[in-house]
């Protein structure tokens, strides 16, 4: 039962990451104007997404090492919860950075309201 719950939590984490990637990709594909600028912005946002996923994941797994030992059957559940927490942190950071980049591009005139 614990293994099933762990697998479901991991699947939810993967779906959250895919939805976050789709939100960033959606910004790139719908309009073809200034495709070079949009591609550079998307690459930067995907790098932010990768770093904001790896750093919390690393720090939370390091925190797991400091916690007292848990029974073997709970290790996978504990890891799945840590991955879910890292995914949620990554989503908030990525969406916030995307909104900040869009606001900056609108202010500088790189993109217009129609292109969003």
Protein backbone atom coordinates (compact mmCIF):
# COMPACT_ATOMS: atom_id res chain seq x y z
CA UNK A 1 0.00 0.00 0.00
CA UNK A 2 2.81 2.38 0.86
CA UNK A 3 4.52 1.55 -2.42
CA UNK A 4 1.34 2.43 -4.33
CA UNK A 5 0.99 5.73 -2.49
CA UNK A 6 4.64 6.52 -3.23
CA UNK A 7 4.16 5.78 -6.92
CA UNK A 8 1.04 7.97 -7.07
CA UNK A 9 2.86 10.86 -5.38
CA UNK A 10 5.75 10.49 -7.83
CA UNK A 11 3.32 10.44 -10.77
CA UNK A 12 1.66 13.62 -9.48
CA UNK A 13 5.11 15.25 -9.28
CA UNK A 14 5.87 14.32 -12.88
CA UNK A 15 2.51 15.69 -14.02
CA UNK A 16 3.15 18.98 -12.20
CA UNK A 17 6.54 19.29 -13.93
CA UNK A 18 4.97 18.55 -17.32
CA UNK A 19 2.27 21.17 -16.74
CA UNK A 20 4.92 23.72 -15.76
CA UNK A 21 6.90 22.91 -18.91
CA UNK A 22 3.75 23.30 -21.01
CA UNK A 23 3.10 26.74 -19.53
CA UNK A 24 6.59 27.84 -20.55
CA UNK A 25 6.32 26.21 -23.97
CA UNK A 26 2.90 27.79 -24.50
CA UNK A 27 4.57 31.20 -24.21
CA UNK A 28 6.86 30.25 -27.10
CA UNK A 29 4.67 28.53 -29.67
CA UNK A 30 1.45 30.49 -30.05
CA UNK A 31 2.88 33.54 -31.78
CA UNK A 32 5.67 33.54 -34.33
CA UNK A 33 6.66 37.20 -34.09
CA UNK A 34 10.18 37.75 -32.74
CA UNK A 35 10.81 34.02 -32.50
CA UNK A 36 14.49 34.51 -31.64
CA UNK A 37 13.71 36.64 -28.60
CA UNK A 38 11.03 34.21 -27.47
CA UNK A 39 13.42 31.27 -27.88
CA UNK A 40 16.11 32.93 -25.77
CA UNK A 41 13.52 33.80 -23.11
CA UNK A 42 12.23 30.21 -23.14
CA UNK A 43 15.76 28.79 -22.78
CA UNK A 44 16.43 31.08 -19.82
CA UNK A 45 13.13 30.10 -18.21
CA UNK A 46 13.83 26.39 -18.72
CA UNK A 47 17.25 26.85 -17.10
CA UNK A 48 15.58 28.59 -14.16
CA UNK A 49 13.12 25.71 -13.97
CA UNK A 50 15.90 23.13 -13.94
CA UNK A 51 17.94 24.90 -11.29
CA UNK A 52 14.88 25.62 -9.15
CA UNK A 53 14.04 21.90 -9.24
CA UNK A 54 17.53 20.56 -8.54
CA UNK A 55 18.50 22.88 -5.67
CA UNK A 56 15.46 22.22 -3.45
CA UNK A 57 15.67 18.53 -4.31
CA UNK A 58 19.32 18.41 -3.24
CA UNK A 59 18.71 20.38 -0.06
CA UNK A 60 15.65 18.33 0.91
CA UNK A 61 17.51 15.05 0.35
CA UNK A 62 20.35 16.42 2.47
CA UNK A 63 17.78 17.20 5.16
CA UNK A 64 16.52 13.62 4.86
CA UNK A 65 20.00 12.37 5.68
CA UNK A 66 20.00 14.41 8.88
CA UNK A 67 16.67 12.99 10.03
CA UNK A 68 16.69 9.85 12.12
CA UNK A 69 16.53 6.54 10.34
CA UNK A 70 13.13 5.40 9.13
CA UNK A 71 11.98 1.86 8.41
CA UNK A 72 12.87 0.51 4.98
CA UNK A 73 9.27 0.48 3.74
CA UNK A 74 8.93 4.22 4.35
CA UNK A 75 12.08 5.29 2.49
CA UNK A 76 10.35 5.35 -0.90
CA UNK A 77 7.40 7.29 0.54
CA UNK A 78 9.74 9.79 2.15
CA UNK A 79 11.61 10.25 -1.13
CA UNK A 80 8.35 10.71 -3.05
CA UNK A 81 7.19 13.41 -0.64
CA UNK A 82 10.53 15.19 -0.99
CA UNK A 83 10.26 15.07 -4.79
CA UNK A 84 6.71 16.44 -4.59
CA UNK A 85 7.83 19.31 -2.35
CA UNK A 86 10.69 20.13 -4.70
CA UNK A 87 8.31 20.07 -7.67
CA UNK A 88 5.88 22.48 -6.02
CA UNK A 89 8.73 24.85 -5.12
CA UNK A 90 9.99 24.62 -8.71
CA UNK A 91 6.54 25.42 -10.10
CA UNK A 92 6.12 28.56 -7.98
CA UNK A 93 9.60 29.84 -8.82
CA UNK A 94 9.20 29.11 -12.55
CA UNK A 95 5.76 30.71 -12.89
CA UNK A 96 6.94 33.73 -10.92
CA UNK A 97 10.00 34.14 -13.12
CA UNK A 98 7.90 33.74 -16.29
CA UNK A 99 5.54 36.47 -15.12
CA UNK A 100 8.47 38.73 -14.26
CA UNK A 101 10.04 38.18 -17.69
CA UNK A 102 6.73 38.86 -19.46
CA UNK A 103 6.25 42.08 -17.46
CA UNK A 104 9.79 43.19 -18.32
CA UNK A 105 9.31 42.40 -22.02
CA UNK A 106 6.01 44.29 -22.08
CA UNK A 107 7.60 47.29 -20.38
CA UNK A 108 10.56 47.36 -22.78
CA UNK A 109 8.39 46.79 -25.85
CA UNK A 110 9.94 43.47 -26.82
CA UNK A 111 6.50 41.89 -26.98
CA UNK A 112 3.01 43.38 -27.09
CA UNK A 113 -0.23 42.47 -25.34
CA UNK A 114 -1.47 40.78 -28.53
CA UNK A 115 1.53 38.43 -28.56
CA UNK A 116 0.94 37.01 -25.09
